[in-house]
Amino acid sequence: MFKRRVGELAKRPHIVPADATVTQAADLMVTADVSCLAAVTGARVLGFLTERELVRHLDVDLDPSTPIREILSRTGVGIAKDLGVDEAIKRMLERRERHLPVVDIGGSLVGLVTDKELVDALAVDFMVESVDCRAIMRADPICLGPGDSVRAALGQMRQKNAGCVLVTDAGKAAGIFTERDALRAIMGRPERLLDPLSAHMSGPVVCVPVDAMVYKVILYMRQKRVRRLAVTEADGRLAGLITQKDILLYARRMG
């Protein structure tokens, strides 16, 4: 596996006061196009708030005025900045997280490394291996119809710990409803939980053919600024879904 250190990949996290409301945090995530915020009091990082943690509560018990300090689920348990990418992938998969704090030898926060940065670092490895989409895609993604409710989608995403639902019509991908879509449309507007997915899904879905080489898919994800892609057969029918986690899982087996 191509040898890089996570310290080279880590990005400075977006900061939010721990007393900010979940609505304010969601607005910042959407505006800044990020999925994780560092919650601080003064100069001290109390923990991290992820998009998934917010979305898991959207249709259950989340008061829009709740301060984020009440739902922080992680403290800043970090990985060393000189850790190799292969070991970082292992830790990320073991922890079932998409974000890892990176710290220096004194334990001070250097930045965050996400699944996106780790996947980007793998393009050369996949070029050497000549792996195509069929080898790594998940053939059974969560699929709902355009008329199914937002509440139904959020329930499926929470139950299966997934970041999206594919909206399908006649066997083809008509749209996608992601955690970002949920934050943008539903936070503070619980009445929209009953809306059909067609009202809030994103589209058109970014797709790749089943025989596309994964190293090209990684570059395409970076170009399109997406974390997941629908995989299609030659006739346009949905074949599966590729997420950044799927790429990391395959890379772990390669290593």
C-alpha atoms as a PDB file:
ATOM      1  CA  MET A   1       0.000   0.000   0.000  1.00  0.00           C
ATOM      2  CA  PHE A   2       1.235   3.430  -0.976  1.00  0.00           C
ATOM      3  CA  LYS A   3       3.054   4.806   2.078  1.00  0.00           C
ATOM      4  CA  ARG A   4       1.724   8.116   3.304  1.00  0.00           C
ATOM      5  CA  ARG A   5       1.239   9.473   6.821  1.00  0.00           C
ATOM      6  CA  VAL A   6      -2.029  10.835   8.119  1.00  0.00           C
ATOM      7  CA  GLY A   7      -0.319  14.038   9.193  1.00  0.00           C
ATOM      8  CA  GLU A   8       0.077  14.840   5.484  1.00  0.00           C
ATOM      9  CA  LEU A   9      -3.653  14.357   4.893  1.00  0.00           C
ATOM     10  CA  ALA A  10      -5.225  15.950   7.970  1.00  0.00           C
ATOM     11  CA  LYS A  11      -7.335  19.066   7.471  1.00  0.00           C
ATOM     12  CA  ARG A  12      -8.043  21.790   9.992  1.00  0.00           C
ATOM     13  CA  PRO A  13     -11.528  21.111  11.427  1.00  0.00           C
ATOM     14  CA  HIS A  14     -14.344  23.624  11.357  1.00  0.00           C
ATOM     15  CA  ILE A  15     -14.915  24.987  14.847  1.00  0.00           C
ATOM     16  CA  VAL A  16     -18.242  25.599  16.578  1.00  0.00           C
ATOM     17  CA  PRO A  17     -18.946  26.664  20.189  1.00  0.00           C
ATOM     18  CA  ALA A  18     -20.180  23.801  22.343  1.00  0.00           C
ATOM     19  CA  ASP A  19     -23.156  25.974  23.334  1.00  0.00           C
ATOM     20  CA  ALA A  20     -24.278  26.432  19.719  1.00  0.00           C
ATOM     21  CA  THR A  21     -27.646  24.877  18.899  1.00  0.00           C
ATOM     22  CA  VAL A  22     -28.009  21.820  16.700  1.00  0.00           C
ATOM     23  CA  THR A  23     -29.718  24.056  14.137  1.00  0.00           C
ATOM     24  CA  GLN A  24     -26.720  26.395  14.025  1.00  0.00           C
ATOM     25  CA  ALA A  25     -24.363  23.411  13.708  1.00  0.00           C
ATOM     26  CA  ALA A  26     -26.433  21.920  10.879  1.00  0.00           C
ATOM     27  CA  ASP A  27     -26.451  25.257   9.027  1.00  0.00           C
ATOM     28  CA  LEU A  28     -22.659  25.448   9.303  1.00  0.00           C
ATOM     29  CA  MET A  29     -22.229  21.887   8.015  1.00  0.00           C
ATOM     30  CA  VAL A  30     -24.418  22.589   4.989  1.00  0.00           C
ATOM     31  CA  THR A  31     -22.850  25.991   4.243  1.00  0.00           C
ATOM     32  CA  ALA A  32     -19.246  24.801   4.675  1.00  0.00           C
ATOM     33  CA  ASP A  33     -19.912  21.416   2.997  1.00  0.00           C
ATOM     34  CA  VAL A  34     -18.430  19.458   5.906  1.00  0.00           C
ATOM     35  CA  SER A  35     -19.668  16.454   7.843  1.00  0.00           C
ATOM     36  CA  CYS A  36     -17.851  16.982  11.150  1.00  0.00           C
ATOM     37  CA  LEU A  37     -17.370  19.928  13.510  1.00  0.00           C
ATOM     38  CA  ALA A  38     -15.019  20.352  16.444  1.00  0.00           C
ATOM     39  CA  ALA A  39     -16.988  21.602  19.467  1.00  0.00           C
ATOM     40  CA  VAL A  40     -14.963  23.985  21.631  1.00  0.00           C
ATOM     41  CA  THR A  41     -15.137  25.909  24.859  1.00  0.00           C
ATOM     42  CA  GLY A  42     -12.550  28.652  24.649  1.00  0.00           C
ATOM     43  CA  ALA A  43      -9.468  26.991  23.165  1.00  0.00           C
ATOM     44  CA  ARG A  44     -10.370  23.507  24.422  1.00  0.00           C
ATOM     45  CA  VAL A  45     -11.877  20.878  22.112  1.00  0.00           C
ATOM     46  CA  LEU A  46     -14.638  19.068  23.993  1.00  0.00           C
ATOM     47  CA  GLY A  47     -15.441  16.624  21.231  1.00  0.00           C
ATOM     48  CA  PHE A  48     -16.723  16.286  17.704  1.00  0.00           C
ATOM     49  CA  LEU A  49     -20.187  16.453  16.213  1.00  0.00           C
ATOM     50  CA  THR A  50     -20.875  14.531  13.024  1.00  0.00           C
ATOM     51  CA  GLU A  51     -23.581  14.801  10.423  1.00  0.00           C
ATOM     52  CA  ARG A  52     -24.681  11.259  11.218  1.00  0.00           C
ATOM     53  CA  GLU A  53     -25.174  12.034  14.904  1.00  0.00           C
ATOM     54  CA  LEU A  54     -27.527  14.857  13.994  1.00  0.00           C
ATOM     55  CA  VAL A  55     -29.449  12.894  11.381  1.00  0.00           C
ATOM     56  CA  ARG A  56     -30.003   9.923  13.693  1.00  0.00           C
ATOM     57  CA  HIS A  57     -32.120  12.174  15.925  1.00  0.00           C
ATOM     58  CA  LEU A  58     -33.984  14.194  13.308  1.00  0.00           C
ATOM     59  CA  ASP A  59     -37.152  12.109  13.293  1.00  0.00           C
ATOM     60  CA  VAL A  60     -37.013  11.037  16.944  1.00  0.00           C
ATOM     61  CA  ASP A  61     -36.379  13.510  19.712  1.00  0.00           C
ATOM     62  CA  LEU A  62     -34.184  16.357  18.516  1.00  0.00           C
ATOM     63  CA  ASP A  63     -35.211  19.808  19.684  1.00  0.00           C
ATOM     64  CA  PRO A  64     -33.738  22.381  17.231  1.00  0.00           C
ATOM     65  CA  SER A  65     -32.635  24.533  20.179  1.00  0.00           C
ATOM     66  CA  THR A  66     -30.641  21.738  21.851  1.00  0.00           C
ATOM     67  CA  PRO A  67     -27.013  22.790  22.501  1.00  0.00           C
ATOM     68  CA  ILE A  68     -24.625  20.471  20.729  1.00  0.00           C
ATOM     69  CA  ARG A  69     -22.711  19.748  23.944  1.00  0.00           C
ATOM     70  CA  GLU A  70     -25.654  17.498  24.898  1.00  0.00           C
ATOM     71  CA  ILE A  71     -25.240  15.155  21.933  1.00  0.00           C
ATOM     72  CA  LEU A  72     -21.478  15.006  21.493  1.00  0.00           C
ATOM     73  CA  SER A  73     -20.749  11.299  21.410  1.00  0.00           C
ATOM     74  CA  ARG A  74     -16.971  11.308  21.096  1.00  0.00           C
ATOM     75  CA  THR A  75     -14.100  12.814  22.944  1.00  0.00           C
ATOM     76  CA  GLY A  76     -10.896  13.672  21.134  1.00  0.00           C
ATOM     77  CA  VAL A  77      -9.217  10.243  21.147  1.00  0.00           C
ATOM     78  CA  GLY A  78      -6.706  10.832  18.392  1.00  0.00           C
ATOM     79  CA  ILE A  79      -4.282   8.989  16.164  1.00  0.00           C
ATOM     80  CA  ALA A  80      -0.629   9.987  15.844  1.00  0.00           C
ATOM     81  CA  LYS A  81       0.246  12.183  12.878  1.00  0.00           C
ATOM     82  CA  ASP A  82       2.993   9.771  11.760  1.00  0.00           C
ATOM     83  CA  LEU A  83       0.566   6.838  11.527  1.00  0.00           C
ATOM     84  CA  GLY A  84       0.501   5.208   8.086  1.00  0.00           C
ATOM     85  CA  VAL A  85      -2.567   5.343   5.859  1.00  0.00           C
ATOM     86  CA  ASP A  86      -3.011   1.553   6.059  1.00  0.00           C
ATOM     87  CA  GLU A  87      -3.146   1.616   9.865  1.00  0.00           C
ATOM     88  CA  ALA A  88      -5.460   4.650   9.828  1.00  0.00           C
ATOM     89  CA  ILE A  89      -7.877   2.757   7.568  1.00  0.00           C
ATOM     90  CA  LYS A  90      -7.820  -0.167  10.003  1.00  0.00           C
ATOM     91  CA  ARG A  91      -8.571   2.133  12.960  1.00  0.00           C
ATOM     92  CA  MET A  92     -11.357   3.932  11.108  1.00  0.00           C
ATOM     93  CA  LEU A  93     -13.081   0.689  10.174  1.00  0.00           C
ATOM     94  CA  GLU A  94     -12.667  -0.770  13.655  1.00  0.00           C
ATOM     95  CA  ARG A  95     -14.163   2.342  15.248  1.00  0.00           C
ATOM     96  CA  ARG A  96     -16.918   2.499  12.623  1.00  0.00           C
ATOM     97  CA  GLU A  97     -16.300   6.198  12.155  1.00  0.00           C
ATOM     98  CA  ARG A  98     -15.688   8.479   9.190  1.00  0.00           C
ATOM     99  CA  HIS A  99     -13.501  11.010  11.016  1.00  0.00           C
ATOM    100  CA  LEU A 100     -10.350  10.562  13.092  1.00  0.00           C
ATOM    101  CA  PRO A 101      -8.668  13.351  15.094  1.00  0.00           C
ATOM    102  CA  VAL A 102      -4.944  13.553  14.340  1.00  0.00           C
ATOM    103  CA  VAL A 103      -2.659  14.633  17.192  1.00  0.00           C
ATOM    104  CA  ASP A 104       1.013  15.505  17.589  1.00  0.00           C
ATOM    105  CA  ILE A 105       3.437  13.907  20.035  1.00  0.00           C
ATOM    106  CA  GLY A 106       2.158  16.150  22.833  1.00  0.00           C
ATOM    107  CA  GLY A 107      -1.475  15.191  22.201  1.00  0.00           C
ATOM    108  CA  SER A 108      -2.471  18.536  20.668  1.00  0.00           C
ATOM    109  CA  LEU A 109      -4.973  18.437  17.820  1.00  0.00           C
ATOM    110  CA  VAL A 110      -3.324  18.747  14.390  1.00  0.00           C
ATOM    111  CA  GLY A 111      -6.483  18.251  12.339  1.00  0.00           C
ATOM    112  CA  LEU A 112      -9.029  15.717  11.153  1.00  0.00           C
ATOM    113  CA  VAL A 113      -8.591  12.972   8.609  1.00  0.00           C
ATOM    114  CA  THR A 114     -11.782  11.666   7.026  1.00  0.00           C
ATOM    115  CA  ASP A 115     -12.620   8.699   4.839  1.00  0.00           C
ATOM    116  CA  LYS A 116     -12.433  11.092   1.886  1.00  0.00           C
ATOM    117  CA  GLU A 117      -8.738  11.911   2.457  1.00  0.00           C
ATOM    118  CA  LEU A 118      -7.891   8.229   2.971  1.00  0.00           C
ATOM    119  CA  VAL A 119      -9.739   7.211  -0.197  1.00  0.00           C
ATOM    120  CA  ASP A 120      -7.992   9.938  -2.208  1.00  0.00           C
ATOM    121  CA  ALA A 121      -4.645   8.551  -1.010  1.00  0.00           C
ATOM    122  CA  LEU A 122      -5.549   5.099  -2.376  1.00  0.00           C
ATOM    123  CA  ALA A 123      -5.900   5.977  -6.074  1.00  0.00           C
ATOM    124  CA  VAL A 124      -2.385   4.748  -6.914  1.00  0.00           C
ATOM    125  CA  ASP A 125      -2.945   1.436  -5.107  1.00  0.00           C
ATOM    126  CA  PHE A 126      -6.141   0.753  -7.030  1.00  0.00           C
ATOM    127  CA  MET A 127      -4.447   1.694 -10.311  1.00  0.00           C
ATOM    128  CA  VAL A 128      -1.864  -1.015  -9.668  1.00  0.00           C
ATOM    129  CA  GLU A 129      -4.511  -3.587  -8.680  1.00  0.00           C
ATOM    130  CA  SER A 130      -6.833  -2.887 -11.663  1.00  0.00           C
ATOM    131  CA  VAL A 131      -9.970  -3.369  -9.555  1.00  0.00           C
ATOM    132  CA  ASP A 132     -13.364  -2.558 -11.101  1.00  0.00           C
ATOM    133  CA  CYS A 133     -16.601  -1.437  -9.483  1.00  0.00           C
ATOM    134  CA  ARG A 134     -18.256  -4.840  -9.527  1.00  0.00           C
ATOM    135  CA  ALA A 135     -15.587  -6.145  -7.140  1.00  0.00           C
ATOM    136  CA  ILE A 136     -16.257  -3.616  -4.403  1.00  0.00           C
ATOM    137  CA  MET A 137     -19.815  -2.291  -4.807  1.00  0.00           C
ATOM    138  CA  ARG A 138     -22.644  -3.215  -2.472  1.00  0.00           C
ATOM    139  CA  ALA A 139     -25.334  -4.906  -4.542  1.00  0.00           C
ATOM    140  CA  ASP A 140     -28.114  -4.342  -1.985  1.00  0.00           C
ATOM    141  CA  PRO A 141     -28.209  -0.623  -1.100  1.00  0.00           C
ATOM    142  CA  ILE A 142     -31.253   0.828   0.628  1.00  0.00           C
ATOM    143  CA  CYS A 143     -33.773   1.651  -2.095  1.00  0.00           C
ATOM    144  CA  LEU A 144     -37.123   3.385  -1.717  1.00  0.00           C
ATOM    145  CA  GLY A 145     -39.604   4.836  -4.166  1.00  0.00           C
ATOM    146  CA  PRO A 146     -40.131   8.539  -4.919  1.00  0.00           C
ATOM    147  CA  GLY A 147     -43.432   8.474  -3.016  1.00  0.00           C
ATOM    148  CA  ASP A 148     -42.022   6.982   0.163  1.00  0.00           C
ATOM    149  CA  SER A 149     -41.733   9.393   3.066  1.00  0.00           C
ATOM    150  CA  VAL A 150     -38.689  11.162   4.417  1.00  0.00           C
ATOM    151  CA  ARG A 151     -39.479   9.562   7.798  1.00  0.00           C
ATOM    152  CA  ALA A 152     -39.271   6.095   6.233  1.00  0.00           C
ATOM    153  CA  ALA A 153     -35.894   6.950   4.690  1.00  0.00           C
ATOM    154  CA  LEU A 154     -34.458   8.259   7.967  1.00  0.00           C
ATOM    155  CA  GLY A 155     -35.677   5.145   9.771  1.00  0.00           C
ATOM    156  CA  GLN A 156     -33.926   2.893   7.242  1.00  0.00           C
ATOM    157  CA  MET A 157     -30.734   4.959   7.404  1.00  0.00           C
ATOM    158  CA  ARG A 158     -30.658   4.772  11.209  1.00  0.00           C
ATOM    159  CA  GLN A 159     -31.467   1.044  11.314  1.00  0.00           C
ATOM    160  CA  LYS A 160     -28.756   0.136   8.793  1.00  0.00           C
ATOM    161  CA  ASN A 161     -26.243   2.834   9.827  1.00  0.00           C
ATOM    162  CA  ALA A 162     -26.251   4.175   6.281  1.00  0.00           C
ATOM    163  CA  GLY A 163     -25.589   7.640   4.952  1.00  0.00           C
ATOM    164  CA  CYS A 164     -28.059   7.597   2.087  1.00  0.00           C
ATOM    165  CA  VAL A 165     -31.076   6.044   0.419  1.00  0.00           C
ATOM    166  CA  LEU A 166     -31.272   5.546  -3.333  1.00  0.00           C
ATOM    167  CA  VAL A 167     -34.611   6.582  -4.792  1.00  0.00           C
ATOM    168  CA  THR A 168     -35.481   4.194  -7.609  1.00  0.00           C
ATOM    169  CA  ASP A 169     -38.151   4.113 -10.291  1.00  0.00           C
ATOM    170  CA  ALA A 170     -38.575   1.190 -12.685  1.00  0.00           C
ATOM    171  CA  GLY A 171     -35.244  -0.288 -11.594  1.00  0.00           C
ATOM    172  CA  LYS A 172     -33.261   2.874 -12.284  1.00  0.00           C
ATOM    173  CA  ALA A 173     -31.807   5.481  -9.907  1.00  0.00           C
ATOM    174  CA  ALA A 174     -34.117   8.515  -9.961  1.00  0.00           C
ATOM    175  CA  GLY A 175     -32.459  10.361  -7.093  1.00  0.00           C
ATOM    176  CA  ILE A 176     -30.568  10.045  -3.844  1.00  0.00           C
ATOM    177  CA  PHE A 177     -31.453  11.218  -0.343  1.00  0.00           C
ATOM    178  CA  THR A 178     -28.380  11.773   1.820  1.00  0.00           C
ATOM    179  CA  GLU A 179     -27.604  12.922   5.351  1.00  0.00           C
ATOM    180  CA  ARG A 180     -26.772  16.340   3.907  1.00  0.00           C
ATOM    181  CA  ASP A 181     -30.187  16.500   2.204  1.00  0.00           C
ATOM    182  CA  ALA A 182     -31.810  15.610   5.533  1.00  0.00           C
ATOM    183  CA  LEU A 183     -30.023  18.397   7.403  1.00  0.00           C
ATOM    184  CA  ARG A 184     -30.762  20.922   4.678  1.00  0.00           C
ATOM    185  CA  ALA A 185     -34.470  20.136   4.400  1.00  0.00           C
ATOM    186  CA  ILE A 186     -35.670  18.752   7.733  1.00  0.00           C
ATOM    187  CA  MET A 187     -33.751  20.418  10.591  1.00  0.00           C
ATOM    188  CA  GLY A 188     -36.287  22.623  12.399  1.00  0.00           C
ATOM    189  CA  ARG A 189     -39.092  21.582  10.025  1.00  0.00           C
ATOM    190  CA  PRO A 190     -40.512  18.320  11.457  1.00  0.00           C
ATOM    191  CA  GLU A 191     -43.642  18.635   9.303  1.00  0.00           C
ATOM    192  CA  ARG A 192     -41.485  17.727   6.312  1.00  0.00           C
ATOM    193  CA  LEU A 193     -40.926  14.227   7.686  1.00  0.00           C
ATOM    194  CA  LEU A 194     -44.166  13.255   5.958  1.00  0.00           C
ATOM    195  CA  ASP A 195     -43.083  14.683   2.595  1.00  0.00           C
ATOM    196  CA  PRO A 196     -42.279  12.255  -0.245  1.00  0.00           C
ATOM    197  CA  LEU A 197     -38.618  11.682  -0.966  1.00  0.00           C
ATOM    198  CA  SER A 198     -39.122  13.200  -4.408  1.00  0.00           C
ATOM    199  CA  ALA A 199     -39.516  16.606  -2.718  1.00  0.00           C
ATOM    200  CA  HIS A 200     -36.063  16.574  -1.085  1.00  0.00           C
ATOM    201  CA  MET A 201     -33.867  14.059  -2.919  1.00  0.00           C
ATOM    202  CA  SER A 202     -30.848  15.169  -4.942  1.00  0.00           C
ATOM    203  CA  GLY A 203     -30.630  14.436  -8.620  1.00  0.00           C
ATOM    204  CA  PRO A 204     -29.597  13.459 -11.106  1.00  0.00           C
ATOM    205  CA  VAL A 205     -27.636  10.702  -9.373  1.00  0.00           C
ATOM    206  CA  VAL A 206     -23.928  10.567 -10.195  1.00  0.00           C
ATOM    207  CA  CYS A 207     -23.438   7.133 -11.788  1.00  0.00           C
ATOM    208  CA  VAL A 208     -20.593   4.959 -13.055  1.00  0.00           C
ATOM    209  CA  PRO A 209     -20.718   1.700 -15.068  1.00  0.00           C
ATOM    210  CA  VAL A 210     -20.037  -1.623 -13.360  1.00  0.00           C
ATOM    211  CA  ASP A 211     -16.806  -2.136 -15.301  1.00  0.00           C
ATOM    212  CA  ALA A 212     -15.293   1.267 -14.402  1.00  0.00           C
ATOM    213  CA  MET A 213     -11.864   1.020 -12.790  1.00  0.00           C
ATOM    214  CA  VAL A 214     -11.942   2.022  -9.131  1.00  0.00           C
ATOM    215  CA  TYR A 215      -8.917   4.324  -9.376  1.00  0.00           C
ATOM    216  CA  LYS A 216     -10.849   6.325 -11.982  1.00  0.00           C
ATOM    217  CA  VAL A 217     -13.913   6.276  -9.727  1.00  0.00           C
ATOM    218  CA  ILE A 218     -11.847   7.762  -6.876  1.00  0.00           C
ATOM    219  CA  LEU A 219     -10.740  10.600  -9.143  1.00  0.00           C
ATOM    220  CA  TYR A 220     -14.326  11.059 -10.368  1.00  0.00           C
ATOM    221  CA  MET A 221     -15.620  11.267  -6.779  1.00  0.00           C
ATOM    222  CA  ARG A 222     -13.045  13.959  -6.078  1.00  0.00           C
ATOM    223  CA  GLN A 223     -14.009  15.862  -9.231  1.00  0.00           C
ATOM    224  CA  LYS A 224     -17.757  15.685  -8.500  1.00  0.00           C
ATOM    225  CA  ARG A 225     -17.286  16.305  -4.765  1.00  0.00           C
ATOM    226  CA  VAL A 226     -19.447  13.296  -3.801  1.00  0.00           C
ATOM    227  CA  ARG A 227     -18.999  10.513  -1.244  1.00  0.00           C
ATOM    228  CA  ARG A 228     -21.031   7.870  -3.022  1.00  0.00           C
ATOM    229  CA  LEU A 229     -21.910   6.778  -6.554  1.00  0.00           C
ATOM    230  CA  ALA A 230     -24.640   4.638  -8.079  1.00  0.00           C
ATOM    231  CA  VAL A 231     -23.306   1.770 -10.197  1.00  0.00           C
ATOM    232  CA  THR A 232     -25.283   0.918 -13.323  1.00  0.00           C
ATOM    233  CA  GLU A 233     -25.535  -1.851 -15.864  1.00  0.00           C
ATOM    234  CA  ALA A 234     -25.121  -1.108 -19.569  1.00  0.00           C
ATOM    235  CA  ASP A 235     -28.896  -0.609 -19.974  1.00  0.00           C
ATOM    236  CA  GLY A 236     -29.037   1.940 -17.135  1.00  0.00           C
ATOM    237  CA  ARG A 237     -30.517  -0.386 -14.526  1.00  0.00           C
ATOM    238  CA  LEU A 238     -29.171   0.021 -11.000  1.00  0.00           C
ATOM    239  CA  ALA A 239     -26.492  -2.552 -10.157  1.00  0.00           C
ATOM    240  CA  GLY A 240     -25.346  -1.260  -6.762  1.00  0.00           C
ATOM    241  CA  LEU A 241     -23.756   1.540  -4.780  1.00  0.00           C
ATOM    242  CA  ILE A 242     -20.157   2.475  -4.014  1.00  0.00           C
ATOM    243  CA  THR A 243     -19.328   4.558  -0.964  1.00  0.00           C
ATOM    244  CA  GLN A 244     -16.008   5.656   0.421  1.00  0.00           C
ATOM    245  CA  LYS A 245     -16.391   3.037   3.141  1.00  0.00           C
ATOM    246  CA  ASP A 246     -16.659   0.292   0.482  1.00  0.00           C
ATOM    247  CA  ILE A 247     -13.382   1.468  -1.039  1.00  0.00           C
ATOM    248  CA  LEU A 248     -11.680   1.429   2.369  1.00  0.00           C
ATOM    249  CA  LEU A 249     -13.002  -2.051   3.146  1.00  0.00           C
ATOM    250  CA  TYR A 250     -11.566  -3.410  -0.094  1.00  0.00           C
ATOM    251  CA  ALA A 251      -8.270  -1.577   0.474  1.00  0.00           C
ATOM    252  CA  ARG A 252      -8.034  -3.181   3.906  1.00  0.00           C
ATOM    253  CA  ARG A 253      -8.272  -6.619   2.289  1.00  0.00           C
ATOM    254  CA  MET A 254      -5.625  -5.631  -0.296  1.00  0.00           C
ATOM    255  CA  GLY A 255      -3.272  -4.630   2.501  1.00  0.00           C
END
